[in-house]
């Protein structure tokens, strides 16, 4: 898994999640996921969430391997927050539709199939 793959997954989640819950709720979900990510990775403050989308360009300031760790944590936190709000089955359906990653049944984390 690399930076571009992680960015694609975040972009791919943006539209369906925004349509599912509304843009304002979407931003709150992603901001909460970002806050949780910042608890483990201070570099997560380089990620910016707005109604226009998720900006990741500033992550290029850190080592690529570290950026991937931050993005993976961010993606898992997005999914975990969605599971808490809309349920595991709805999130599983969403991630299955995206096809490149899937929700693991036991852990609620993402596994990468792409």
C-alpha atoms as a PDB file:
ATOM      1  CA  UNK A   1       0.000   0.000   0.000  1.00  0.00           C
ATOM      2  CA  UNK A   2       1.342   3.414  -0.897  1.00  0.00           C
ATOM      3  CA  UNK A   3       0.461   7.078  -0.556  1.00  0.00           C
ATOM      4  CA  UNK A   4      -1.467   7.263  -3.846  1.00  0.00           C
ATOM      5  CA  UNK A   5      -3.518   4.201  -2.940  1.00  0.00           C
ATOM      6  CA  UNK A   6      -4.446   5.708   0.438  1.00  0.00           C
ATOM      7  CA  UNK A   7      -5.364   9.015  -1.191  1.00  0.00           C
ATOM      8  CA  UNK A   8      -7.575   7.203  -3.702  1.00  0.00           C
ATOM      9  CA  UNK A   9      -9.389   5.378  -0.904  1.00  0.00           C
ATOM     10  CA  UNK A  10     -10.067   8.637   0.941  1.00  0.00           C
ATOM     11  CA  UNK A  11     -11.292  10.265  -2.277  1.00  0.00           C
ATOM     12  CA  UNK A  12     -13.457   7.215  -3.042  1.00  0.00           C
ATOM     13  CA  UNK A  13     -15.064   7.419   0.402  1.00  0.00           C
ATOM     14  CA  UNK A  14     -15.760  11.160   0.126  1.00  0.00           C
ATOM     15  CA  UNK A  15     -18.675  11.089  -2.322  1.00  0.00           C
ATOM     16  CA  UNK A  16     -20.638   8.049  -1.069  1.00  0.00           C
ATOM     17  CA  UNK A  17     -20.249   9.007   2.587  1.00  0.00           C
ATOM     18  CA  UNK A  18     -21.228  12.595   1.818  1.00  0.00           C
ATOM     19  CA  UNK A  19     -24.309  11.387  -0.060  1.00  0.00           C
ATOM     20  CA  UNK A  20     -25.200   8.904   2.664  1.00  0.00           C
ATOM     21  CA  UNK A  21     -25.074  11.237   5.650  1.00  0.00           C
ATOM     22  CA  UNK A  22     -24.964  14.776   4.220  1.00  0.00           C
ATOM     23  CA  UNK A  23     -21.954  17.015   3.769  1.00  0.00           C
ATOM     24  CA  UNK A  24     -22.009  18.656   7.216  1.00  0.00           C
ATOM     25  CA  UNK A  25     -22.201  15.305   8.997  1.00  0.00           C
ATOM     26  CA  UNK A  26     -19.553  13.988   6.634  1.00  0.00           C
ATOM     27  CA  UNK A  27     -17.148  16.747   7.648  1.00  0.00           C
ATOM     28  CA  UNK A  28     -17.802  16.009  11.329  1.00  0.00           C
ATOM     29  CA  UNK A  29     -17.135  12.280  10.771  1.00  0.00           C
ATOM     30  CA  UNK A  30     -13.863  12.991   8.993  1.00  0.00           C
ATOM     31  CA  UNK A  31     -12.837  15.622  11.576  1.00  0.00           C
ATOM     32  CA  UNK A  32     -13.446  13.124  14.387  1.00  0.00           C
ATOM     33  CA  UNK A  33     -11.403  10.511  12.527  1.00  0.00           C
ATOM     34  CA  UNK A  34      -8.664  13.085  12.054  1.00  0.00           C
ATOM     35  CA  UNK A  35      -8.703  13.996  15.748  1.00  0.00           C
ATOM     36  CA  UNK A  36      -8.382  10.319  16.693  1.00  0.00           C
ATOM     37  CA  UNK A  37      -5.510   9.957  14.238  1.00  0.00           C
ATOM     38  CA  UNK A  38      -3.745  12.972  15.750  1.00  0.00           C
ATOM     39  CA  UNK A  39      -3.736  11.184  19.119  1.00  0.00           C
ATOM     40  CA  UNK A  40      -1.273   8.654  17.654  1.00  0.00           C
ATOM     41  CA  UNK A  41       0.366  10.677  14.880  1.00  0.00           C
ATOM     42  CA  UNK A  42       1.022  14.373  15.380  1.00  0.00           C
ATOM     43  CA  UNK A  43       1.723  14.613  11.644  1.00  0.00           C
ATOM     44  CA  UNK A  44      -1.991  14.087  11.032  1.00  0.00           C
ATOM     45  CA  UNK A  45      -2.399  17.824  11.565  1.00  0.00           C
ATOM     46  CA  UNK A  46      -1.077  18.117   8.003  1.00  0.00           C
ATOM     47  CA  UNK A  47      -4.396  16.661   6.767  1.00  0.00           C
ATOM     48  CA  UNK A  48      -7.154  19.205   6.173  1.00  0.00           C
ATOM     49  CA  UNK A  49     -10.849  18.349   5.986  1.00  0.00           C
ATOM     50  CA  UNK A  50     -13.490  20.668   4.535  1.00  0.00           C
ATOM     51  CA  UNK A  51     -16.733  20.497   2.597  1.00  0.00           C
ATOM     52  CA  UNK A  52     -14.590  20.591  -0.557  1.00  0.00           C
ATOM     53  CA  UNK A  53     -12.807  17.376   0.369  1.00  0.00           C
ATOM     54  CA  UNK A  54      -9.702  16.095   2.108  1.00  0.00           C
ATOM     55  CA  UNK A  55      -6.396  17.820   1.362  1.00  0.00           C
ATOM     56  CA  UNK A  56      -3.292  15.672   1.770  1.00  0.00           C
ATOM     57  CA  UNK A  57      -0.619  17.695  -0.043  1.00  0.00           C
ATOM     58  CA  UNK A  58       1.119  18.795   3.141  1.00  0.00           C
ATOM     59  CA  UNK A  59       1.831  15.162   4.021  1.00  0.00           C
ATOM     60  CA  UNK A  60       4.582  15.340   1.405  1.00  0.00           C
ATOM     61  CA  UNK A  61       6.578  17.182   4.095  1.00  0.00           C
ATOM     62  CA  UNK A  62       7.115  13.913   5.978  1.00  0.00           C
ATOM     63  CA  UNK A  63       8.714  10.593   5.033  1.00  0.00           C
ATOM     64  CA  UNK A  64       6.536   8.597   2.608  1.00  0.00           C
ATOM     65  CA  UNK A  65       6.418   5.538   4.883  1.00  0.00           C
ATOM     66  CA  UNK A  66       5.259   7.689   7.774  1.00  0.00           C
ATOM     67  CA  UNK A  67       2.626   9.371   5.576  1.00  0.00           C
ATOM     68  CA  UNK A  68       1.216   5.957   4.676  1.00  0.00           C
ATOM     69  CA  UNK A  69       0.995   5.023   8.372  1.00  0.00           C
ATOM     70  CA  UNK A  70      -0.864   8.259   9.107  1.00  0.00           C
ATOM     71  CA  UNK A  71      -3.251   7.749   6.188  1.00  0.00           C
ATOM     72  CA  UNK A  72      -3.919   4.125   7.098  1.00  0.00           C
ATOM     73  CA  UNK A  73      -4.784   5.154  10.656  1.00  0.00           C
ATOM     74  CA  UNK A  74      -6.992   7.959   9.309  1.00  0.00           C
ATOM     75  CA  UNK A  75      -8.867   5.561   7.007  1.00  0.00           C
ATOM     76  CA  UNK A  76      -9.405   3.068   9.821  1.00  0.00           C
ATOM     77  CA  UNK A  77     -10.680   5.850  12.067  1.00  0.00           C
ATOM     78  CA  UNK A  78     -13.107   6.996   9.347  1.00  0.00           C
ATOM     79  CA  UNK A  79     -14.473   3.470   9.022  1.00  0.00           C
ATOM     80  CA  UNK A  80     -14.667   2.916  12.792  1.00  0.00           C
ATOM     81  CA  UNK A  81     -16.548   6.212  13.235  1.00  0.00           C
ATOM     82  CA  UNK A  82     -18.950   5.257  10.442  1.00  0.00           C
ATOM     83  CA  UNK A  83     -19.529   1.851  12.041  1.00  0.00           C
ATOM     84  CA  UNK A  84     -20.476   3.564  15.304  1.00  0.00           C
ATOM     85  CA  UNK A  85     -22.886   5.929  13.533  1.00  0.00           C
ATOM     86  CA  UNK A  86     -24.539   3.895  10.788  1.00  0.00           C
ATOM     87  CA  UNK A  87     -23.706   0.315  11.672  1.00  0.00           C
ATOM     88  CA  UNK A  88     -21.280  -2.308  10.503  1.00  0.00           C
ATOM     89  CA  UNK A  89     -23.578  -3.704   7.793  1.00  0.00           C
ATOM     90  CA  UNK A  90     -24.013  -0.326   6.055  1.00  0.00           C
ATOM     91  CA  UNK A  91     -20.261   0.319   6.183  1.00  0.00           C
ATOM     92  CA  UNK A  92     -19.522  -3.187   4.930  1.00  0.00           C
ATOM     93  CA  UNK A  93     -21.838  -2.591   1.972  1.00  0.00           C
ATOM     94  CA  UNK A  94     -20.123   0.731   1.240  1.00  0.00           C
ATOM     95  CA  UNK A  95     -16.616  -0.727   1.401  1.00  0.00           C
ATOM     96  CA  UNK A  96     -17.656  -3.779  -0.633  1.00  0.00           C
ATOM     97  CA  UNK A  97     -18.975  -1.455  -3.351  1.00  0.00           C
ATOM     98  CA  UNK A  98     -15.629   0.313  -3.510  1.00  0.00           C
ATOM     99  CA  UNK A  99     -14.059  -3.093  -4.060  1.00  0.00           C
ATOM    100  CA  UNK A 100     -10.433  -2.321  -3.265  1.00  0.00           C
ATOM    101  CA  UNK A 101     -10.702  -2.693   0.455  1.00  0.00           C
ATOM    102  CA  UNK A 102     -13.069  -4.419   2.818  1.00  0.00           C
ATOM    103  CA  UNK A 103     -14.197  -4.231   6.398  1.00  0.00           C
ATOM    104  CA  UNK A 104     -12.879  -7.090   8.503  1.00  0.00           C
ATOM    105  CA  UNK A 105     -15.747  -8.739  10.354  1.00  0.00           C
ATOM    106  CA  UNK A 106     -14.115  -9.140  13.759  1.00  0.00           C
ATOM    107  CA  UNK A 107     -11.945  -6.075  14.119  1.00  0.00           C
ATOM    108  CA  UNK A 108     -13.905  -3.398  12.267  1.00  0.00           C
ATOM    109  CA  UNK A 109     -10.640  -2.429  10.568  1.00  0.00           C
ATOM    110  CA  UNK A 110      -9.916  -2.239   6.881  1.00  0.00           C
ATOM    111  CA  UNK A 111      -8.053  -4.862   4.954  1.00  0.00           C
ATOM    112  CA  UNK A 112      -6.582  -3.875   1.638  1.00  0.00           C
ATOM    113  CA  UNK A 113      -7.353  -5.962  -1.391  1.00  0.00           C
ATOM    114  CA  UNK A 114      -6.251  -3.594  -4.155  1.00  0.00           C
END
